[in-house]
Amino acid sequence: EQSEIAVEEAQERIQAAQALVASAQENFRLAQGRFDAGVGTIL
C-alpha cells in the first residue's frame, strides 16, 4: 500500500513539475527580453 501511494504521488508531482518548468521557462524568457530591452532589472 505504501509503495502504491508513493507511485501515485510521484506521478502527480511529475505532471505538476512539468507544468512548473513550462511556466518558469516562459517567465525567464520574458524577464530576459525585458532586461535586454533595458526595462527590466537584474533582480
All heavy atoms as atom14 arrays in JSON, in Angstrom:
{
  "sequence": "EQSEIAVEEAQERIQAAQALVASAQENFRLAQGRFDAGVGTIL",
  "atom14_mask": [
    [1, 1, 1, 1, 1, 1, 1, 1, 1, 0, 0, 0, 0, 0],
    [1, 1, 1, 1, 1, 1, 1, 1, 1, 0, 0, 0, 0, 0],
    [1, 1, 1, 1, 1, 1, 0, 0, 0, 0, 0, 0, 0, 0],
    [1, 1, 1, 1, 1, 1, 1, 1, 1, 0, 0, 0, 0, 0],
    [1, 1, 1, 1, 1, 1, 1, 1, 0, 0, 0, 0, 0, 0],
    [1, 1, 1, 1, 1, 0, 0, 0, 0, 0, 0, 0, 0, 0],
    [1, 1, 1, 1, 1, 1, 1, 0, 0, 0, 0, 0, 0, 0],
    [1, 1, 1, 1, 1, 1, 1, 1, 1, 0, 0, 0, 0, 0],
    [1, 1, 1, 1, 1, 1, 1, 1, 1, 0, 0, 0, 0, 0],
    [1, 1, 1, 1, 1, 0, 0, 0, 0, 0, 0, 0, 0, 0],
    [1, 1, 1, 1, 1, 1, 1, 1, 1, 0, 0, 0, 0, 0],
    [1, 1, 1, 1, 1, 1, 1, 1, 1, 0, 0, 0, 0, 0],
    [1, 1, 1, 1, 1, 1, 1, 1, 1, 1, 1, 0, 0, 0],
    [1, 1, 1, 1, 1, 1, 1, 1, 0, 0, 0, 0, 0, 0],
    [1, 1, 1, 1, 1, 1, 1, 1, 1, 0, 0, 0, 0, 0],
    [1, 1, 1, 1, 1, 0, 0, 0, 0, 0, 0, 0, 0, 0],
    [1, 1, 1, 1, 1, 0, 0, 0, 0, 0, 0, 0, 0, 0],
    [1, 1, 1, 1, 1, 1, 1, 1, 1, 0, 0, 0, 0, 0],
    [1, 1, 1, 1, 1, 0, 0, 0, 0, 0, 0, 0, 0, 0],
    [1, 1, 1, 1, 1, 1, 1, 1, 0, 0, 0, 0, 0, 0],
    [1, 1, 1, 1, 1, 1, 1, 0, 0, 0, 0, 0, 0, 0],
    [1, 1, 1, 1, 1, 0, 0, 0, 0, 0, 0, 0, 0, 0],
    [1, 1, 1, 1, 1, 1, 0, 0, 0, 0, 0, 0, 0, 0],
    [1, 1, 1, 1, 1, 0, 0, 0, 0, 0, 0, 0, 0, 0],
    [1, 1, 1, 1, 1, 1, 1, 1, 1, 0, 0, 0, 0, 0],
    [1, 1, 1, 1, 1, 1, 1, 1, 1, 0, 0, 0, 0, 0],
    [1, 1, 1, 1, 1, 1, 1, 1, 0, 0, 0, 0, 0, 0],
    [1, 1, 1, 1, 1, 1, 1, 1, 1, 1, 1, 0, 0, 0],
    [1, 1, 1, 1, 1, 1, 1, 1, 1, 1, 1, 0, 0, 0],
    [1, 1, 1, 1, 1, 1, 1, 1, 0, 0, 0, 0, 0, 0],
    [1, 1, 1, 1, 1, 0, 0, 0, 0, 0, 0, 0, 0, 0],
    [1, 1, 1, 1, 1, 1, 1, 1, 1, 0, 0, 0, 0, 0],
    [1, 1, 1, 1, 0, 0, 0, 0, 0, 0, 0, 0, 0, 0],
    [1, 1, 1, 1, 1, 1, 1, 1, 1, 1, 1, 0, 0, 0],
    [1, 1, 1, 1, 1, 1, 1, 1, 1, 1, 1, 0, 0, 0],
    [1, 1, 1, 1, 1, 1, 1, 1, 0, 0, 0, 0, 0, 0],
    [1, 1, 1, 1, 1, 0, 0, 0, 0, 0, 0, 0, 0, 0],
    [1, 1, 1, 1, 0, 0, 0, 0, 0, 0, 0, 0, 0, 0],
    [1, 1, 1, 1, 1, 1, 1, 0, 0, 0, 0, 0, 0, 0],
    [1, 1, 1, 1, 0, 0, 0, 0, 0, 0, 0, 0, 0, 0],
    [1, 1, 1, 1, 1, 1, 1, 0, 0, 0, 0, 0, 0, 0],
    [1, 1, 1, 1, 1, 1, 1, 1, 0, 0, 0, 0, 0, 0],
    [1, 1, 1, 1, 1, 1, 1, 1, 0, 0, 0, 0, 0, 0]
  ],
  "atom14_positions": [
    [[0.83, -1.21, 0.0], [0.0, 0.0, 0.0], [0.86, 1.26, 0.0], [0.61, 2.22, -0.74], [-0.93, 0.0, 1.22], [-2.08, -0.98, 1.12], [-3.07, -0.6, 0.03], [-3.32, 0.6, -0.16], [-3.57, -1.51, -0.65], [0.0, 0.0, 0.0], [0.0, 0.0, 0.0], [0.0, 0.0, 0.0], [0.0, 0.0, 0.0], [0.0, 0.0, 0.0]],
    [[1.89, 1.27, 0.82], [2.77, 2.45, 0.88], [3.48, 2.66, -0.45], [3.64, 3.8, -0.9], [3.78, 2.29, 2.02], [3.17, 2.38, 3.4], [4.17, 2.09, 4.5], [5.21, 1.46, 4.27], [3.88, 2.55, 5.71], [0.0, 0.0, 0.0], [0.0, 0.0, 0.0], [0.0, 0.0, 0.0], [0.0, 0.0, 0.0], [0.0, 0.0, 0.0]],
    [[3.91, 1.57, -1.08], [4.59, 1.69, -2.37], [3.64, 2.2, -3.44], [4.02, 3.02, -4.29], [5.18, 0.33, -2.77], [6.12, -0.12, -1.82], [0.0, 0.0, 0.0], [0.0, 0.0, 0.0], [0.0, 0.0, 0.0], [0.0, 0.0, 0.0], [0.0, 0.0, 0.0], [0.0, 0.0, 0.0], [0.0, 0.0, 0.0], [0.0, 0.0, 0.0]],
    [[2.4, 1.73, -3.42], [1.41, 2.2, -4.4], [1.13, 3.69, -4.22], [1.05, 4.45, -5.2], [0.12, 1.4, -4.27], [0.25, -0.05, -4.71], [-0.94, -0.89, -4.33], [-1.75, -0.44, -3.48], [-1.08, -2.01, -4.87], [0.0, 0.0, 0.0], [0.0, 0.0, 0.0], [0.0, 0.0, 0.0], [0.0, 0.0, 0.0], [0.0, 0.0, 0.0]],
    [[1.0, 4.11, -2.97], [0.75, 5.54, -2.7], [1.94, 6.38, -3.18], [1.76, 7.46, -3.76], [0.5, 5.75, -1.2], [-0.83, 5.1, -0.79], [0.51, 7.23, -0.85], [-1.07, 5.07, 0.7], [0.0, 0.0, 0.0], [0.0, 0.0, 0.0], [0.0, 0.0, 0.0], [0.0, 0.0, 0.0], [0.0, 0.0, 0.0], [0.0, 0.0, 0.0]],
    [[3.16, 5.88, -2.97], [4.35, 6.63, -3.4], [4.4, 6.76, -4.91], [4.77, 7.81, -5.45], [5.61, 5.94, -2.88], [0.0, 0.0, 0.0], [0.0, 0.0, 0.0], [0.0, 0.0, 0.0], [0.0, 0.0, 0.0], [0.0, 0.0, 0.0], [0.0, 0.0, 0.0], [0.0, 0.0, 0.0], [0.0, 0.0, 0.0], [0.0, 0.0, 0.0]],
    [[4.0, 5.7, -5.64], [3.99, 5.77, -7.1], [2.97, 6.79, -7.58], [3.25, 7.62, -8.46], [3.69, 4.37, -7.7], [3.42, 4.46, -9.19], [4.86, 3.43, -7.44], [0.0, 0.0, 0.0], [0.0, 0.0, 0.0], [0.0, 0.0, 0.0], [0.0, 0.0, 0.0], [0.0, 0.0, 0.0], [0.0, 0.0, 0.0], [0.0, 0.0, 0.0]],
    [[1.78, 6.75, -7.02], [0.73, 7.69, -7.42], [1.12, 9.13, -7.1], [0.88, 10.04, -7.9], [-0.59, 7.32, -6.73], [-1.15, 5.98, -7.2], [-2.35, 5.52, -6.38], [-2.52, 6.03, -5.25], [-3.09, 4.65, -6.85], [0.0, 0.0, 0.0], [0.0, 0.0, 0.0], [0.0, 0.0, 0.0], [0.0, 0.0, 0.0], [0.0, 0.0, 0.0]],
    [[1.72, 9.32, -5.94], [2.14, 10.68, -5.56], [3.24, 11.2, -6.5], [3.23, 12.36, -6.91], [2.63, 10.67, -4.11], [3.01, 12.02, -3.55], [4.51, 12.26, -3.57], [5.25, 11.29, -3.83], [4.92, 13.41, -3.34], [0.0, 0.0, 0.0], [0.0, 0.0, 0.0], [0.0, 0.0, 0.0], [0.0, 0.0, 0.0], [0.0, 0.0, 0.0]],
    [[4.18, 10.32, -6.86], [5.26, 10.73, -7.76], [4.71, 11.06, -9.15], [5.18, 12.0, -9.81], [6.31, 9.63, -7.86], [0.0, 0.0, 0.0], [0.0, 0.0, 0.0], [0.0, 0.0, 0.0], [0.0, 0.0, 0.0], [0.0, 0.0, 0.0], [0.0, 0.0, 0.0], [0.0, 0.0, 0.0], [0.0, 0.0, 0.0], [0.0, 0.0, 0.0]],
    [[3.71, 10.3, -9.61], [3.1, 10.61, -10.9], [2.48, 12.0, -10.9], [2.64, 12.78, -11.85], [2.02, 9.56, -11.24], [2.58, 8.21, -11.63], [1.5, 7.26, -12.14], [1.67, 6.61, -13.15], [0.4, 7.16, -11.43], [0.0, 0.0, 0.0], [0.0, 0.0, 0.0], [0.0, 0.0, 0.0], [0.0, 0.0, 0.0], [0.0, 0.0, 0.0]],
    [[1.78, 12.33, -9.84], [1.14, 13.64, -9.75], [2.2, 14.75, -9.67], [2.04, 15.82, -10.27], [0.22, 13.68, -8.53], [-0.97, 12.74, -8.63], [-1.79, 12.71, -7.36], [-1.4, 13.39, -6.38], [-2.81, 12.01, -7.32], [0.0, 0.0, 0.0], [0.0, 0.0, 0.0], [0.0, 0.0, 0.0], [0.0, 0.0, 0.0], [0.0, 0.0, 0.0]],
    [[3.29, 14.49, -8.94], [4.34, 15.51, -8.84], [5.02, 15.75, -10.18], [5.41, 16.87, -10.5], [5.38, 15.09, -7.8], [4.96, 15.4, -6.38], [6.14, 15.45, -5.44], [6.76, 14.15, -5.26], [8.04, 13.89, -5.46], [8.84, 14.86, -5.9], [8.53, 12.69, -5.26], [0.0, 0.0, 0.0], [0.0, 0.0, 0.0], [0.0, 0.0, 0.0]],
    [[5.19, 14.7, -10.97], [5.82, 14.87, -12.28], [4.97, 15.79, -13.16], [5.48, 16.7, -13.81], [6.01, 13.5, -12.96], [7.13, 12.72, -12.25], [6.36, 13.67, -14.44], [7.29, 11.31, -12.75], [0.0, 0.0, 0.0], [0.0, 0.0, 0.0], [0.0, 0.0, 0.0], [0.0, 0.0, 0.0], [0.0, 0.0, 0.0], [0.0, 0.0, 0.0]],
    [[3.68, 15.54, -13.19], [2.79, 16.37, -14.01], [2.82, 17.82, -13.55], [2.87, 18.75, -14.37], [1.37, 15.8, -13.96], [1.26, 14.41, -14.57], [-0.08, 13.75, -14.32], [-0.94, 14.32, -13.66], [-0.26, 12.54, -14.84], [0.0, 0.0, 0.0], [0.0, 0.0, 0.0], [0.0, 0.0, 0.0], [0.0, 0.0, 0.0], [0.0, 0.0, 0.0]],
    [[2.79, 18.03, -12.23], [2.85, 19.39, -11.72], [4.21, 20.03, -12.01], [4.28, 21.23, -12.35], [2.59, 19.39, -10.21], [0.0, 0.0, 0.0], [0.0, 0.0, 0.0], [0.0, 0.0, 0.0], [0.0, 0.0, 0.0], [0.0, 0.0, 0.0], [0.0, 0.0, 0.0], [0.0, 0.0, 0.0], [0.0, 0.0, 0.0], [0.0, 0.0, 0.0]],
    [[5.29, 19.26, -11.9], [6.63, 19.8, -12.15], [6.81, 20.17, -13.61], [7.47, 21.18, -13.93], [7.68, 18.79, -11.71], [0.0, 0.0, 0.0], [0.0, 0.0, 0.0], [0.0, 0.0, 0.0], [0.0, 0.0, 0.0], [0.0, 0.0, 0.0], [0.0, 0.0, 0.0], [0.0, 0.0, 0.0], [0.0, 0.0, 0.0], [0.0, 0.0, 0.0]],
    [[6.26, 19.37, -14.51], [6.38, 19.68, -15.93], [5.66, 20.99, -16.27], [6.17, 21.8, -17.05], [5.83, 18.52, -16.76], [6.71, 17.28, -16.72], [6.09, 16.08, -17.42], [4.88, 16.04, -17.67], [6.91, 15.09, -17.76], [0.0, 0.0, 0.0], [0.0, 0.0, 0.0], [0.0, 0.0, 0.0], [0.0, 0.0, 0.0], [0.0, 0.0, 0.0]],
    [[4.5, 21.2, -15.68], [3.79, 22.47, -15.88], [4.59, 23.63, -15.27], [4.65, 24.73, -15.84], [2.4, 22.4, -15.25], [0.0, 0.0, 0.0], [0.0, 0.0, 0.0], [0.0, 0.0, 0.0], [0.0, 0.0, 0.0], [0.0, 0.0, 0.0], [0.0, 0.0, 0.0], [0.0, 0.0, 0.0], [0.0, 0.0, 0.0], [0.0, 0.0, 0.0]],
    [[5.23, 23.37, -14.13], [6.04, 24.41, -13.48], [7.23, 24.78, -14.35], [7.58, 25.97, -14.47], [6.51, 23.9, -12.11], [7.42, 24.84, -11.31], [6.7, 26.15, -10.99], [7.89, 24.15, -10.03], [0.0, 0.0, 0.0], [0.0, 0.0, 0.0], [0.0, 0.0, 0.0], [0.0, 0.0, 0.0], [0.0, 0.0, 0.0], [0.0, 0.0, 0.0]],
    [[7.88, 23.8, -14.97], [9.02, 24.08, -15.84], [8.59, 24.94, -17.03], [9.28, 25.9, -17.41], [9.66, 22.77, -16.31], [10.68, 23.04, -17.43], [10.35, 22.06, -15.15], [0.0, 0.0, 0.0], [0.0, 0.0, 0.0], [0.0, 0.0, 0.0], [0.0, 0.0, 0.0], [0.0, 0.0, 0.0], [0.0, 0.0, 0.0], [0.0, 0.0, 0.0]],
    [[7.46, 24.6, -17.62], [6.97, 25.39, -18.76], [6.71, 26.84, -18.36], [7.09, 27.78, -19.08], [5.7, 24.74, -19.32], [0.0, 0.0, 0.0], [0.0, 0.0, 0.0], [0.0, 0.0, 0.0], [0.0, 0.0, 0.0], [0.0, 0.0, 0.0], [0.0, 0.0, 0.0], [0.0, 0.0, 0.0], [0.0, 0.0, 0.0], [0.0, 0.0, 0.0]],
    [[6.09, 27.04, -17.21], [5.83, 28.4, -16.74], [7.13, 29.14, -16.43], [7.29, 30.33, -16.76], [4.94, 28.36, -15.5], [3.69, 27.77, -15.79], [0.0, 0.0, 0.0], [0.0, 0.0, 0.0], [0.0, 0.0, 0.0], [0.0, 0.0, 0.0], [0.0, 0.0, 0.0], [0.0, 0.0, 0.0], [0.0, 0.0, 0.0], [0.0, 0.0, 0.0]],
    [[8.08, 28.44, -15.8], [9.34, 29.09, -15.44], [10.15, 29.46, -16.68], [10.81, 30.51, -16.72], [10.15, 28.16, -14.54], [0.0, 0.0, 0.0], [0.0, 0.0, 0.0], [0.0, 0.0, 0.0], [0.0, 0.0, 0.0], [0.0, 0.0, 0.0], [0.0, 0.0, 0.0], [0.0, 0.0, 0.0], [0.0, 0.0, 0.0], [0.0, 0.0, 0.0]],
    [[10.1, 28.62, -17.71], [10.81, 28.95, -18.95], [10.22, 30.18, -19.62], [10.96, 31.06, -20.1], [10.74, 27.75, -19.9], [11.62, 26.58, -19.5], [11.43, 25.36, -20.37], [10.37, 25.18, -20.99], [12.44, 24.5, -20.44], [0.0, 0.0, 0.0], [0.0, 0.0, 0.0], [0.0, 0.0, 0.0], [0.0, 0.0, 0.0], [0.0, 0.0, 0.0]],
    [[8.9, 30.27, -19.63], [8.26, 31.45, -20.22], [8.57, 32.7, -19.4], [8.84, 33.78, -19.96], [6.75, 31.22, -20.3], [5.96, 32.38, -20.88], [6.33, 32.68, -22.32], [6.95, 31.83, -22.99], [5.99, 33.79, -22.79], [0.0, 0.0, 0.0], [0.0, 0.0, 0.0], [0.0, 0.0, 0.0], [0.0, 0.0, 0.0], [0.0, 0.0, 0.0]],
    [[8.53, 32.57, -18.09], [8.84, 33.72, -17.22], [10.28, 34.19, -17.42], [10.55, 35.4, -17.48], [8.6, 33.33, -15.76], [8.83, 34.47, -14.81], [8.34, 35.59, -15.01], [9.61, 34.22, -13.74], [0.0, 0.0, 0.0], [0.0, 0.0, 0.0], [0.0, 0.0, 0.0], [0.0, 0.0, 0.0], [0.0, 0.0, 0.0], [0.0, 0.0, 0.0]],
    [[11.2, 33.23, -17.55], [12.6, 33.61, -17.78], [12.77, 34.28, -19.14], [13.52, 35.25, -19.29], [13.5, 32.38, -17.67], [14.94, 32.66, -18.0], [15.75, 33.36, -17.1], [15.49, 32.27, -19.21], [17.08, 33.63, -17.4], [16.81, 32.54, -19.51], [17.62, 33.22, -18.61], [0.0, 0.0, 0.0], [0.0, 0.0, 0.0], [0.0, 0.0, 0.0]],
    [[12.06, 33.76, -20.16], [12.16, 34.35, -21.49], [11.69, 35.81, -21.47], [12.34, 36.71, -22.05], [11.33, 33.54, -22.48], [11.48, 33.98, -23.94], [10.53, 33.24, -24.83], [9.15, 33.57, -24.53], [8.53, 34.68, -24.99], [9.19, 35.55, -25.74], [7.28, 34.92, -24.67], [0.0, 0.0, 0.0], [0.0, 0.0, 0.0], [0.0, 0.0, 0.0]],
    [[10.6, 36.06, -20.76], [10.09, 37.42, -20.68], [11.04, 38.33, -19.9], [11.3, 39.48, -20.28], [8.7, 37.42, -20.04], [7.6, 36.71, -20.84], [6.31, 36.66, -20.02], [7.37, 37.43, -22.16], [0.0, 0.0, 0.0], [0.0, 0.0, 0.0], [0.0, 0.0, 0.0], [0.0, 0.0, 0.0], [0.0, 0.0, 0.0], [0.0, 0.0, 0.0]],
    [[11.56, 37.8, -18.79], [12.48, 38.61, -17.97], [13.76, 38.91, -18.74], [14.31, 40.02, -18.64], [12.8, 37.87, -16.67], [0.0, 0.0, 0.0], [0.0, 0.0, 0.0], [0.0, 0.0, 0.0], [0.0, 0.0, 0.0], [0.0, 0.0, 0.0], [0.0, 0.0, 0.0], [0.0, 0.0, 0.0], [0.0, 0.0, 0.0], [0.0, 0.0, 0.0]],
    [[14.24, 37.92, -19.49], [15.44, 38.13, -20.3], [15.2, 39.21, -21.37], [16.04, 40.09, -21.6], [15.85, 36.82, -20.97], [17.16, 36.9, -21.76], [18.38, 36.93, -20.86], [18.61, 35.99, -20.12], [19.14, 38.02, -20.89], [0.0, 0.0, 0.0], [0.0, 0.0, 0.0], [0.0, 0.0, 0.0], [0.0, 0.0, 0.0], [0.0, 0.0, 0.0]],
    [[14.03, 39.14, -22.0], [13.71, 40.16, -23.01], [13.6, 41.54, -22.41], [14.09, 42.53, -23.0], [0.0, 0.0, 0.0], [0.0, 0.0, 0.0], [0.0, 0.0, 0.0], [0.0, 0.0, 0.0], [0.0, 0.0, 0.0], [0.0, 0.0, 0.0], [0.0, 0.0, 0.0], [0.0, 0.0, 0.0], [0.0, 0.0, 0.0], [0.0, 0.0, 0.0]],
    [[12.96, 41.68, -21.24], [12.83, 42.99, -20.6], [14.2, 43.54, -20.2], [14.48, 44.72, -20.34], [11.93, 42.86, -19.36], [10.45, 42.68, -19.7], [9.65, 42.32, -18.46], [9.81, 43.31, -17.4], [9.14, 44.47, -17.36], [8.27, 44.77, -18.31], [9.34, 45.31, -16.36], [0.0, 0.0, 0.0], [0.0, 0.0, 0.0], [0.0, 0.0, 0.0]],
    [[15.08, 42.61, -19.7], [16.42, 43.07, -19.3], [17.22, 43.52, -20.51], [17.89, 44.55, -20.48], [17.14, 41.94, -18.56], [18.5, 42.32, -18.05], [18.64, 43.08, -16.9], [19.65, 41.92, -18.73], [19.9, 43.43, -16.43], [20.9, 42.27, -18.27], [21.03, 43.02, -17.1], [0.0, 0.0, 0.0], [0.0, 0.0, 0.0], [0.0, 0.0, 0.0]],
    [[17.16, 42.75, -21.58], [17.9, 43.12, -22.79], [17.38, 44.41, -23.4], [18.15, 45.18, -24.01], [17.81, 41.99, -23.82], [18.55, 40.73, -23.37], [19.4, 40.84, -22.46], [18.27, 39.64, -23.91], [0.0, 0.0, 0.0], [0.0, 0.0, 0.0], [0.0, 0.0, 0.0], [0.0, 0.0, 0.0], [0.0, 0.0, 0.0], [0.0, 0.0, 0.0]],
    [[16.07, 44.66, -23.2], [15.49, 45.9, -23.74], [15.74, 47.09, -22.83], [15.4, 48.24, -23.2], [14.0, 45.72, -23.96], [0.0, 0.0, 0.0], [0.0, 0.0, 0.0], [0.0, 0.0, 0.0], [0.0, 0.0, 0.0], [0.0, 0.0, 0.0], [0.0, 0.0, 0.0], [0.0, 0.0, 0.0], [0.0, 0.0, 0.0], [0.0, 0.0, 0.0]],
    [[16.31, 46.83, -21.66], [16.62, 47.92, -20.75], [15.49, 48.36, -19.87], [15.6, 49.36, -19.16], [0.0, 0.0, 0.0], [0.0, 0.0, 0.0], [0.0, 0.0, 0.0], [0.0, 0.0, 0.0], [0.0, 0.0, 0.0], [0.0, 0.0, 0.0], [0.0, 0.0, 0.0], [0.0, 0.0, 0.0], [0.0, 0.0, 0.0], [0.0, 0.0, 0.0]],
    [[14.39, 47.58, -19.85], [13.25, 47.97, -19.0], [13.1, 47.05, -17.79], [12.28, 47.32, -16.91], [11.95, 47.97, -19.82], [11.99, 49.04, -20.9], [11.69, 46.6, -20.43], [0.0, 0.0, 0.0], [0.0, 0.0, 0.0], [0.0, 0.0, 0.0], [0.0, 0.0, 0.0], [0.0, 0.0, 0.0], [0.0, 0.0, 0.0], [0.0, 0.0, 0.0]],
    [[13.85, 45.95, -17.76], [13.79, 45.03, -16.63], [15.01, 45.18, -15.75], [16.06, 45.69, -16.18], [0.0, 0.0, 0.0], [0.0, 0.0, 0.0], [0.0, 0.0, 0.0], [0.0, 0.0, 0.0], [0.0, 0.0, 0.0], [0.0, 0.0, 0.0], [0.0, 0.0, 0.0], [0.0, 0.0, 0.0], [0.0, 0.0, 0.0], [0.0, 0.0, 0.0]],
    [[14.9, 44.74, -14.5], [16.0, 44.85, -13.55], [16.76, 43.54, -13.46], [16.26, 42.46, -13.83], [15.49, 45.22, -12.15], [14.67, 44.16, -11.65], [14.65, 46.5, -12.22], [0.0, 0.0, 0.0], [0.0, 0.0, 0.0], [0.0, 0.0, 0.0], [0.0, 0.0, 0.0], [0.0, 0.0, 0.0], [0.0, 0.0, 0.0], [0.0, 0.0, 0.0]],
    [[17.99, 43.63, -12.93], [18.79, 42.43, -12.75], [18.17, 41.51, -11.71], [18.26, 40.28, -11.79], [20.24, 42.82, -12.35], [21.14, 41.56, -12.35], [20.25, 43.48, -10.97], [21.36, 40.98, -13.69], [0.0, 0.0, 0.0], [0.0, 0.0, 0.0], [0.0, 0.0, 0.0], [0.0, 0.0, 0.0], [0.0, 0.0, 0.0], [0.0, 0.0, 0.0]],
    [[17.49, 42.09, -10.7], [16.84, 41.27, -9.68], [15.7, 40.46, -10.29], [15.52, 39.29, -9.96], [16.31, 42.16, -8.55], [17.35, 42.85, -7.69], [16.69, 43.76, -6.66], [18.24, 41.83, -6.99], [0.0, 0.0, 0.0], [0.0, 0.0, 0.0], [0.0, 0.0, 0.0], [0.0, 0.0, 0.0], [0.0, 0.0, 0.0], [0.0, 0.0, 0.0]]
  ]
}
